[in-house]
N, C-alpha and C. Protein backbone atom coordinates (compact mmCIF):
# COMPACT_ATOMS: atom_id res chain seq x y z
N MET A 1 7.98 -67.26 -2.86
CA MET A 1 7.90 -68.69 -2.74
C MET A 1 6.45 -69.08 -2.46
N ILE A 2 5.98 -70.07 -3.14
CA ILE A 2 4.62 -70.56 -2.97
C ILE A 2 4.68 -71.89 -2.23
N LEU A 3 4.00 -71.97 -1.12
CA LEU A 3 3.95 -73.21 -0.35
C LEU A 3 2.61 -73.89 -0.56
N GLY A 4 2.58 -75.16 -0.31
CA GLY A 4 1.34 -75.91 -0.42
C GLY A 4 1.38 -76.87 -1.58
N PRO A 5 0.59 -77.91 -1.46
CA PRO A 5 0.59 -78.92 -2.52
C PRO A 5 -0.09 -78.41 -3.79
N GLY A 6 0.34 -78.96 -4.87
CA GLY A 6 -0.27 -78.63 -6.14
C GLY A 6 -0.43 -79.88 -6.96
N PRO A 7 -1.29 -79.85 -7.95
CA PRO A 7 -1.50 -81.03 -8.77
C PRO A 7 -0.32 -81.30 -9.70
N TYR A 8 -0.17 -82.55 -10.07
CA TYR A 8 0.81 -82.94 -11.08
C TYR A 8 0.04 -83.38 -12.30
N LEU A 9 0.27 -82.68 -13.41
CA LEU A 9 -0.38 -83.02 -14.67
C LEU A 9 0.64 -83.74 -15.53
N LYS A 10 0.41 -85.00 -15.74
CA LYS A 10 1.38 -85.85 -16.42
C LYS A 10 1.12 -85.92 -17.93
N GLU A 11 -0.13 -86.05 -18.29
CA GLU A 11 -0.50 -86.25 -19.70
C GLU A 11 -0.65 -84.90 -20.43
N PRO A 12 -0.23 -84.85 -21.69
CA PRO A 12 -0.40 -83.62 -22.46
C PRO A 12 -1.84 -83.11 -22.46
N SER A 13 -2.80 -84.02 -22.55
CA SER A 13 -4.20 -83.58 -22.56
C SER A 13 -4.58 -82.87 -21.26
N GLU A 14 -4.02 -83.32 -20.14
CA GLU A 14 -4.28 -82.66 -18.85
C GLU A 14 -3.69 -81.25 -18.83
N VAL A 15 -2.48 -81.12 -19.37
CA VAL A 15 -1.83 -79.82 -19.41
C VAL A 15 -2.64 -78.86 -20.28
N PHE A 16 -3.06 -79.32 -21.45
CA PHE A 16 -3.78 -78.43 -22.36
C PHE A 16 -5.19 -78.12 -21.84
N ASP A 17 -5.80 -79.03 -21.11
CA ASP A 17 -7.07 -78.71 -20.45
C ASP A 17 -6.87 -77.62 -19.41
N TRP A 18 -5.77 -77.71 -18.65
CA TRP A 18 -5.45 -76.69 -17.65
C TRP A 18 -5.20 -75.34 -18.34
N VAL A 19 -4.47 -75.37 -19.45
CA VAL A 19 -4.20 -74.14 -20.21
C VAL A 19 -5.51 -73.49 -20.63
N SER A 20 -6.42 -74.27 -21.16
CA SER A 20 -7.72 -73.75 -21.59
C SER A 20 -8.49 -73.15 -20.41
N LYS A 21 -8.47 -73.85 -19.29
CA LYS A 21 -9.15 -73.36 -18.08
C LYS A 21 -8.56 -72.03 -17.62
N GLN A 22 -7.22 -71.95 -17.63
CA GLN A 22 -6.56 -70.72 -17.19
C GLN A 22 -6.83 -69.56 -18.15
N MET A 23 -6.87 -69.85 -19.43
CA MET A 23 -7.18 -68.79 -20.40
C MET A 23 -8.58 -68.24 -20.14
N ASN A 24 -9.53 -69.13 -19.90
CA ASN A 24 -10.90 -68.69 -19.59
C ASN A 24 -10.96 -67.90 -18.29
N GLU A 25 -10.23 -68.37 -17.28
CA GLU A 25 -10.20 -67.67 -15.99
C GLU A 25 -9.57 -66.29 -16.13
N GLY A 26 -8.49 -66.20 -16.88
CA GLY A 26 -7.85 -64.90 -17.12
C GLY A 26 -8.80 -63.92 -17.81
N GLN A 27 -9.54 -64.43 -18.81
CA GLN A 27 -10.52 -63.57 -19.49
C GLN A 27 -11.63 -63.14 -18.54
N ARG A 28 -12.04 -64.04 -17.64
CA ARG A 28 -13.09 -63.69 -16.67
C ARG A 28 -12.61 -62.60 -15.72
N ILE A 29 -11.37 -62.71 -15.26
CA ILE A 29 -10.82 -61.71 -14.35
C ILE A 29 -10.72 -60.35 -15.04
N VAL A 30 -10.18 -60.33 -16.24
CA VAL A 30 -10.07 -59.07 -16.98
C VAL A 30 -11.46 -58.49 -17.26
N GLY A 31 -12.42 -59.35 -17.62
CA GLY A 31 -13.79 -58.89 -17.85
C GLY A 31 -14.42 -58.30 -16.59
N SER A 32 -14.12 -58.89 -15.44
CA SER A 32 -14.64 -58.36 -14.17
C SER A 32 -14.07 -56.97 -13.91
N PHE A 33 -12.75 -56.81 -14.07
CA PHE A 33 -12.16 -55.48 -13.90
C PHE A 33 -12.80 -54.48 -14.86
N ASN A 34 -12.94 -54.88 -16.10
CA ASN A 34 -13.51 -54.00 -17.11
C ASN A 34 -14.92 -53.55 -16.71
N ASN A 35 -15.78 -54.50 -16.33
CA ASN A 35 -17.16 -54.15 -15.96
C ASN A 35 -17.21 -53.28 -14.71
N LEU A 36 -16.38 -53.60 -13.73
CA LEU A 36 -16.39 -52.81 -12.50
C LEU A 36 -15.93 -51.38 -12.74
N ILE A 37 -14.87 -51.22 -13.52
CA ILE A 37 -14.30 -49.89 -13.71
C ILE A 37 -15.08 -49.07 -14.74
N ASN A 38 -15.57 -49.72 -15.79
CA ASN A 38 -16.24 -48.97 -16.85
C ASN A 38 -17.75 -48.84 -16.68
N ILE A 39 -18.35 -49.69 -15.87
CA ILE A 39 -19.81 -49.64 -15.69
C ILE A 39 -20.19 -49.32 -14.25
N ALA A 40 -19.74 -50.19 -13.32
CA ALA A 40 -20.18 -50.05 -11.93
C ALA A 40 -19.59 -48.80 -11.25
N LEU A 41 -18.31 -48.52 -11.47
CA LEU A 41 -17.69 -47.37 -10.82
C LEU A 41 -18.31 -46.04 -11.27
N PRO A 42 -18.47 -45.79 -12.57
CA PRO A 42 -19.12 -44.53 -12.96
C PRO A 42 -20.54 -44.40 -12.39
N ASP A 43 -21.28 -45.51 -12.33
CA ASP A 43 -22.62 -45.49 -11.74
C ASP A 43 -22.54 -45.12 -10.26
N ALA A 44 -21.57 -45.70 -9.54
CA ALA A 44 -21.41 -45.42 -8.11
C ALA A 44 -20.97 -43.99 -7.85
N LEU A 45 -20.12 -43.46 -8.74
CA LEU A 45 -19.65 -42.08 -8.57
C LEU A 45 -20.76 -41.07 -8.86
N GLY A 46 -21.70 -41.44 -9.71
CA GLY A 46 -22.82 -40.55 -10.04
C GLY A 46 -22.45 -39.57 -11.13
N PRO A 47 -23.46 -38.84 -11.61
CA PRO A 47 -23.21 -37.86 -12.67
C PRO A 47 -22.41 -36.67 -12.14
N PRO A 48 -21.76 -35.93 -13.04
CA PRO A 48 -20.99 -34.76 -12.61
C PRO A 48 -21.84 -33.80 -11.79
N GLY A 49 -21.26 -33.34 -10.70
CA GLY A 49 -21.95 -32.37 -9.84
C GLY A 49 -22.86 -33.00 -8.80
N VAL A 50 -22.99 -34.31 -8.83
CA VAL A 50 -23.86 -35.01 -7.87
C VAL A 50 -22.99 -35.94 -7.04
N SER A 51 -23.22 -35.97 -5.74
CA SER A 51 -22.44 -36.87 -4.87
C SER A 51 -22.67 -38.31 -5.27
N GLY A 52 -21.63 -39.12 -5.13
CA GLY A 52 -21.73 -40.54 -5.42
C GLY A 52 -22.54 -41.27 -4.37
N ASP A 53 -22.91 -42.50 -4.68
CA ASP A 53 -23.69 -43.35 -3.78
C ASP A 53 -22.71 -44.14 -2.91
N PRO A 54 -22.64 -43.85 -1.60
CA PRO A 54 -21.65 -44.52 -0.76
C PRO A 54 -21.81 -46.04 -0.71
N ILE A 55 -23.03 -46.54 -0.75
CA ILE A 55 -23.25 -47.99 -0.72
C ILE A 55 -22.70 -48.63 -1.98
N LYS A 56 -22.96 -48.01 -3.13
CA LYS A 56 -22.43 -48.53 -4.40
C LYS A 56 -20.91 -48.41 -4.44
N LEU A 57 -20.37 -47.32 -3.90
CA LEU A 57 -18.92 -47.15 -3.88
C LEU A 57 -18.24 -48.23 -3.04
N VAL A 58 -18.83 -48.57 -1.90
CA VAL A 58 -18.28 -49.64 -1.06
C VAL A 58 -18.37 -50.97 -1.80
N TYR A 59 -19.51 -51.22 -2.46
CA TYR A 59 -19.68 -52.46 -3.22
C TYR A 59 -18.61 -52.58 -4.30
N VAL A 60 -18.44 -51.53 -5.09
CA VAL A 60 -17.45 -51.56 -6.18
C VAL A 60 -16.05 -51.75 -5.61
N SER A 61 -15.75 -51.06 -4.52
CA SER A 61 -14.43 -51.19 -3.90
C SER A 61 -14.16 -52.62 -3.45
N ARG A 62 -15.14 -53.23 -2.82
CA ARG A 62 -14.97 -54.61 -2.36
C ARG A 62 -14.82 -55.58 -3.54
N ARG A 63 -15.63 -55.40 -4.55
CA ARG A 63 -15.54 -56.28 -5.73
C ARG A 63 -14.21 -56.10 -6.45
N LEU A 64 -13.72 -54.85 -6.54
CA LEU A 64 -12.41 -54.62 -7.13
C LEU A 64 -11.33 -55.33 -6.31
N GLY A 65 -11.44 -55.26 -4.99
CA GLY A 65 -10.49 -55.95 -4.12
C GLY A 65 -10.54 -57.46 -4.31
N ASP A 66 -11.75 -58.00 -4.42
CA ASP A 66 -11.90 -59.45 -4.65
C ASP A 66 -11.30 -59.86 -5.99
N THR A 67 -11.54 -59.05 -7.00
CA THR A 67 -11.02 -59.36 -8.34
C THR A 67 -9.50 -59.24 -8.36
N TYR A 68 -8.98 -58.22 -7.69
CA TYR A 68 -7.53 -58.05 -7.57
C TYR A 68 -6.92 -59.27 -6.88
N LYS A 69 -7.54 -59.74 -5.81
CA LYS A 69 -7.07 -60.93 -5.09
C LYS A 69 -7.08 -62.15 -6.02
N SER A 70 -8.08 -62.24 -6.87
CA SER A 70 -8.16 -63.40 -7.77
C SER A 70 -6.99 -63.44 -8.76
N THR A 71 -6.37 -62.28 -9.04
CA THR A 71 -5.18 -62.30 -9.91
C THR A 71 -4.04 -63.04 -9.22
N PHE A 72 -3.94 -62.89 -7.90
CA PHE A 72 -2.88 -63.58 -7.15
C PHE A 72 -3.18 -65.06 -7.03
N ASP A 73 -4.46 -65.40 -6.89
CA ASP A 73 -4.84 -66.82 -6.87
C ASP A 73 -4.49 -67.48 -8.20
N TYR A 74 -4.71 -66.75 -9.29
CA TYR A 74 -4.39 -67.22 -10.64
C TYR A 74 -2.89 -67.54 -10.74
N VAL A 75 -2.06 -66.61 -10.29
CA VAL A 75 -0.61 -66.80 -10.33
C VAL A 75 -0.19 -67.96 -9.43
N ARG A 76 -0.77 -68.02 -8.23
CA ARG A 76 -0.43 -69.08 -7.27
C ARG A 76 -0.73 -70.45 -7.85
N GLU A 77 -1.85 -70.58 -8.54
CA GLU A 77 -2.20 -71.88 -9.13
C GLU A 77 -1.13 -72.34 -10.12
N ALA A 78 -0.64 -71.42 -10.94
CA ALA A 78 0.39 -71.78 -11.92
C ALA A 78 1.70 -72.16 -11.22
N LYS A 79 2.02 -71.47 -10.15
CA LYS A 79 3.28 -71.75 -9.45
C LYS A 79 3.23 -73.08 -8.69
N ARG A 80 2.05 -73.51 -8.29
CA ARG A 80 1.92 -74.78 -7.56
C ARG A 80 1.84 -75.98 -8.50
N LEU A 81 1.54 -75.74 -9.74
CA LEU A 81 1.34 -76.82 -10.69
C LEU A 81 2.66 -77.51 -11.04
N SER A 82 2.64 -78.82 -11.11
CA SER A 82 3.80 -79.59 -11.56
C SER A 82 3.44 -80.25 -12.89
N VAL A 83 4.36 -80.10 -13.84
CA VAL A 83 4.17 -80.67 -15.17
C VAL A 83 5.49 -81.25 -15.66
N PRO A 84 5.45 -82.10 -16.68
CA PRO A 84 6.72 -82.57 -17.27
C PRO A 84 7.54 -81.37 -17.77
N ASP A 85 8.84 -81.55 -17.80
CA ASP A 85 9.78 -80.46 -18.13
C ASP A 85 9.40 -79.68 -19.40
N GLU A 86 8.95 -80.39 -20.42
CA GLU A 86 8.68 -79.70 -21.70
C GLU A 86 7.51 -78.71 -21.62
N TYR A 87 6.72 -78.75 -20.54
CA TYR A 87 5.58 -77.84 -20.38
C TYR A 87 5.81 -76.75 -19.35
N GLU A 88 6.95 -76.77 -18.67
CA GLU A 88 7.19 -75.79 -17.60
C GLU A 88 7.20 -74.36 -18.11
N LYS A 89 7.79 -74.12 -19.27
CA LYS A 89 7.83 -72.76 -19.82
C LYS A 89 6.42 -72.27 -20.11
N LEU A 90 5.59 -73.12 -20.68
CA LEU A 90 4.20 -72.75 -20.98
C LEU A 90 3.45 -72.36 -19.71
N VAL A 91 3.59 -73.15 -18.66
CA VAL A 91 2.91 -72.87 -17.39
C VAL A 91 3.41 -71.54 -16.81
N SER A 92 4.71 -71.31 -16.90
CA SER A 92 5.29 -70.06 -16.40
C SER A 92 4.74 -68.85 -17.16
N ILE A 93 4.63 -68.96 -18.47
CA ILE A 93 4.10 -67.86 -19.29
C ILE A 93 2.66 -67.57 -18.89
N ILE A 94 1.86 -68.60 -18.75
CA ILE A 94 0.45 -68.41 -18.40
C ILE A 94 0.32 -67.81 -17.00
N GLY A 95 1.18 -68.25 -16.09
CA GLY A 95 1.16 -67.69 -14.74
C GLY A 95 1.46 -66.19 -14.73
N GLY A 96 2.19 -65.71 -15.73
CA GLY A 96 2.53 -64.29 -15.81
C GLY A 96 1.57 -63.44 -16.64
N PHE A 97 0.55 -64.07 -17.23
CA PHE A 97 -0.39 -63.34 -18.09
C PHE A 97 -0.97 -62.09 -17.42
N LEU A 98 -1.32 -62.18 -16.15
CA LEU A 98 -2.01 -61.08 -15.49
C LEU A 98 -1.08 -60.08 -14.83
N LYS A 99 0.25 -60.24 -15.04
CA LYS A 99 1.21 -59.34 -14.43
C LYS A 99 0.93 -57.88 -14.79
N SER A 100 0.74 -57.59 -16.06
CA SER A 100 0.51 -56.20 -16.46
C SER A 100 -0.88 -55.73 -16.04
N VAL A 101 -1.84 -56.64 -15.94
CA VAL A 101 -3.18 -56.26 -15.46
C VAL A 101 -3.08 -55.82 -14.00
N THR A 102 -2.38 -56.59 -13.19
CA THR A 102 -2.19 -56.25 -11.78
C THR A 102 -1.49 -54.90 -11.65
N LYS A 103 -0.44 -54.70 -12.43
CA LYS A 103 0.30 -53.43 -12.39
C LYS A 103 -0.60 -52.27 -12.82
N SER A 104 -1.41 -52.47 -13.84
CA SER A 104 -2.32 -51.41 -14.30
C SER A 104 -3.32 -51.03 -13.21
N VAL A 105 -3.86 -52.02 -12.52
CA VAL A 105 -4.82 -51.75 -11.44
C VAL A 105 -4.13 -51.01 -10.29
N GLU A 106 -2.91 -51.43 -9.96
CA GLU A 106 -2.17 -50.75 -8.89
C GLU A 106 -1.89 -49.30 -9.26
N ASP A 107 -1.45 -49.06 -10.49
CA ASP A 107 -1.17 -47.70 -10.95
C ASP A 107 -2.45 -46.86 -10.98
N PHE A 108 -3.54 -47.46 -11.47
CA PHE A 108 -4.84 -46.78 -11.52
C PHE A 108 -5.27 -46.36 -10.12
N SER A 109 -5.17 -47.27 -9.18
CA SER A 109 -5.58 -46.99 -7.80
C SER A 109 -4.75 -45.87 -7.19
N GLU A 110 -3.45 -45.94 -7.40
CA GLU A 110 -2.55 -44.91 -6.85
C GLU A 110 -2.85 -43.55 -7.47
N ASN A 111 -3.04 -43.52 -8.78
CA ASN A 111 -3.36 -42.27 -9.48
C ASN A 111 -4.70 -41.71 -9.02
N LEU A 112 -5.70 -42.59 -8.87
CA LEU A 112 -7.02 -42.16 -8.41
C LEU A 112 -6.92 -41.55 -7.01
N LEU A 113 -6.20 -42.21 -6.12
CA LEU A 113 -6.04 -41.70 -4.76
C LEU A 113 -5.36 -40.33 -4.77
N GLN A 114 -4.32 -40.16 -5.57
CA GLN A 114 -3.64 -38.87 -5.66
C GLN A 114 -4.57 -37.78 -6.17
N GLN A 115 -5.35 -38.11 -7.21
CA GLN A 115 -6.27 -37.12 -7.76
C GLN A 115 -7.39 -36.78 -6.77
N LEU A 116 -7.89 -37.78 -6.05
CA LEU A 116 -8.91 -37.52 -5.04
C LEU A 116 -8.37 -36.62 -3.93
N ASN A 117 -7.18 -36.94 -3.44
CA ASN A 117 -6.60 -36.12 -2.37
C ASN A 117 -6.35 -34.69 -2.84
N ALA A 118 -5.83 -34.53 -4.05
CA ALA A 118 -5.59 -33.19 -4.59
C ALA A 118 -6.91 -32.46 -4.80
N GLY A 119 -7.91 -33.16 -5.30
CA GLY A 119 -9.22 -32.54 -5.52
C GLY A 119 -9.89 -32.14 -4.23
N ILE A 120 -9.79 -32.98 -3.22
CA ILE A 120 -10.38 -32.67 -1.91
C ILE A 120 -9.69 -31.46 -1.30
N ALA A 121 -8.35 -31.42 -1.36
CA ALA A 121 -7.61 -30.29 -0.82
C ALA A 121 -7.98 -29.00 -1.55
N LYS A 122 -8.08 -29.09 -2.87
CA LYS A 122 -8.45 -27.92 -3.67
C LYS A 122 -9.89 -27.51 -3.37
N GLY A 123 -10.77 -28.51 -3.29
CA GLY A 123 -12.19 -28.22 -3.03
C GLY A 123 -12.41 -27.57 -1.69
N GLN A 124 -11.65 -27.99 -0.67
CA GLN A 124 -11.78 -27.39 0.65
C GLN A 124 -11.30 -25.94 0.64
N ALA A 125 -10.26 -25.67 -0.15
CA ALA A 125 -9.71 -24.32 -0.21
C ALA A 125 -10.55 -23.40 -1.08
N GLU A 126 -11.06 -23.91 -2.20
CA GLU A 126 -11.74 -23.06 -3.19
C GLU A 126 -13.23 -23.36 -3.32
N GLY A 127 -13.67 -24.54 -2.89
CA GLY A 127 -15.05 -24.95 -3.15
C GLY A 127 -15.17 -25.36 -4.60
N GLY A 128 -16.28 -25.98 -4.96
CA GLY A 128 -16.50 -26.32 -6.35
C GLY A 128 -16.46 -27.81 -6.61
N THR A 129 -16.42 -28.13 -7.88
CA THR A 129 -16.49 -29.50 -8.35
C THR A 129 -15.08 -30.07 -8.55
N ILE A 130 -14.93 -31.35 -8.23
CA ILE A 130 -13.68 -32.06 -8.45
C ILE A 130 -13.85 -32.87 -9.74
N VAL A 131 -12.94 -32.70 -10.69
CA VAL A 131 -12.98 -33.46 -11.93
C VAL A 131 -11.79 -34.41 -11.94
N ILE A 132 -12.08 -35.69 -12.15
CA ILE A 132 -11.04 -36.70 -12.21
C ILE A 132 -11.13 -37.40 -13.55
N GLU A 133 -10.00 -37.45 -14.26
CA GLU A 133 -9.95 -38.16 -15.53
C GLU A 133 -8.95 -39.30 -15.39
N MET A 134 -9.41 -40.51 -15.72
CA MET A 134 -8.57 -41.70 -15.57
C MET A 134 -8.70 -42.57 -16.81
N THR A 135 -7.60 -43.24 -17.13
CA THR A 135 -7.61 -44.24 -18.19
C THR A 135 -6.94 -45.49 -17.64
N LEU A 136 -7.54 -46.62 -17.92
CA LEU A 136 -6.99 -47.90 -17.49
C LEU A 136 -6.99 -48.83 -18.68
N THR A 137 -5.83 -49.38 -18.99
CA THR A 137 -5.70 -50.29 -20.12
C THR A 137 -5.31 -51.67 -19.60
N PHE A 138 -6.01 -52.68 -20.09
CA PHE A 138 -5.69 -54.06 -19.72
C PHE A 138 -5.06 -54.76 -20.91
N GLU A 139 -3.97 -55.45 -20.63
CA GLU A 139 -3.25 -56.16 -21.68
C GLU A 139 -2.63 -57.41 -21.06
N LEU A 140 -2.80 -58.53 -21.72
CA LEU A 140 -2.18 -59.76 -21.22
C LEU A 140 -0.69 -59.72 -21.50
N HIS A 141 0.08 -60.05 -20.49
CA HIS A 141 1.54 -60.06 -20.57
C HIS A 141 2.00 -61.39 -21.18
N GLY A 142 2.89 -61.33 -22.18
CA GLY A 142 3.51 -62.54 -22.70
C GLY A 142 2.72 -63.30 -23.75
N LEU A 143 1.77 -62.65 -24.41
CA LEU A 143 0.95 -63.34 -25.40
C LEU A 143 1.76 -63.84 -26.59
N ASP A 144 2.71 -63.04 -27.06
CA ASP A 144 3.55 -63.48 -28.19
C ASP A 144 4.41 -64.68 -27.78
N GLU A 145 4.96 -64.62 -26.59
CA GLU A 145 5.76 -65.73 -26.08
C GLU A 145 4.91 -66.99 -25.93
N PHE A 146 3.67 -66.81 -25.49
CA PHE A 146 2.73 -67.94 -25.37
C PHE A 146 2.50 -68.59 -26.74
N ASN A 147 2.25 -67.77 -27.74
CA ASN A 147 2.00 -68.30 -29.09
C ASN A 147 3.20 -69.05 -29.63
N GLU A 148 4.40 -68.52 -29.39
CA GLU A 148 5.62 -69.20 -29.82
C GLU A 148 5.79 -70.54 -29.10
N GLU A 149 5.52 -70.56 -27.81
CA GLU A 149 5.67 -71.79 -27.04
C GLU A 149 4.64 -72.83 -27.48
N MET A 150 3.42 -72.40 -27.76
CA MET A 150 2.39 -73.33 -28.25
C MET A 150 2.81 -73.90 -29.61
N LYS A 151 3.39 -73.08 -30.44
CA LYS A 151 3.87 -73.55 -31.75
C LYS A 151 4.97 -74.61 -31.55
N ARG A 152 5.88 -74.35 -30.61
CA ARG A 152 6.96 -75.31 -30.32
C ARG A 152 6.38 -76.64 -29.82
N LEU A 153 5.42 -76.57 -28.92
CA LEU A 153 4.83 -77.79 -28.36
C LEU A 153 4.03 -78.57 -29.41
N ARG A 154 3.34 -77.86 -30.29
CA ARG A 154 2.63 -78.55 -31.37
C ARG A 154 3.62 -79.25 -32.28
N GLY A 155 4.79 -78.62 -32.48
CA GLY A 155 5.83 -79.25 -33.29
C GLY A 155 6.37 -80.51 -32.63
N LEU A 156 6.56 -80.47 -31.32
CA LEU A 156 7.02 -81.66 -30.60
C LEU A 156 6.01 -82.80 -30.71
N ALA A 157 4.74 -82.43 -30.76
CA ALA A 157 3.69 -83.44 -30.85
C ALA A 157 3.45 -83.88 -32.30
N GLY A 158 4.19 -83.28 -33.24
CA GLY A 158 4.03 -83.64 -34.64
C GLY A 158 2.81 -83.03 -35.28
N LEU A 159 2.27 -81.97 -34.66
CA LEU A 159 1.07 -81.32 -35.20
C LEU A 159 1.40 -80.15 -36.12
N GLU A 160 2.65 -79.69 -36.08
CA GLU A 160 3.03 -78.53 -36.86
C GLU A 160 4.54 -78.51 -37.00
N GLU A 161 5.03 -77.98 -38.11
CA GLU A 161 6.47 -77.88 -38.29
C GLU A 161 7.02 -76.82 -37.36
N VAL A 162 8.22 -77.06 -36.82
CA VAL A 162 8.86 -76.12 -35.91
C VAL A 162 9.96 -75.39 -36.67
N ASP A 163 9.96 -74.04 -36.59
CA ASP A 163 11.03 -73.24 -37.17
C ASP A 163 12.10 -73.07 -36.11
N GLU A 164 13.30 -73.57 -36.38
CA GLU A 164 14.38 -73.41 -35.40
C GLU A 164 15.58 -72.79 -36.03
């Protein structure tokens, strides 16, 4: 349950402006995760066989946490928004866009922690280098449903024929 006041968007132009803003925000969040994980994290970890930079690791960790938090802010904004009935499905779809991104980050973090713990335990017992291989895929949830709903709304507005 989301508490707190939210805006009411009455006019179609207000709703579509909000949709555009949310699409841009979603892309920014995904881009931040991408840059942190693919650029900043490898730099912080350092080259193979060399200890990572603790200051950079703390920075990347904090920024990942901030970006992760912003996914919840994104969802909260959609849940607080009030729109005319014909736009509620669209707002709900957009609010769920980052669901799979959040799940991917959670799975990535859990897997990384498991590999680090296993590597540390092995390293203490045997000595040597710890090798961690990770893959993280970002995908917007509900994109096909979004496109279908946009097509329906354009049809209601007389901008496109609706297939029913």
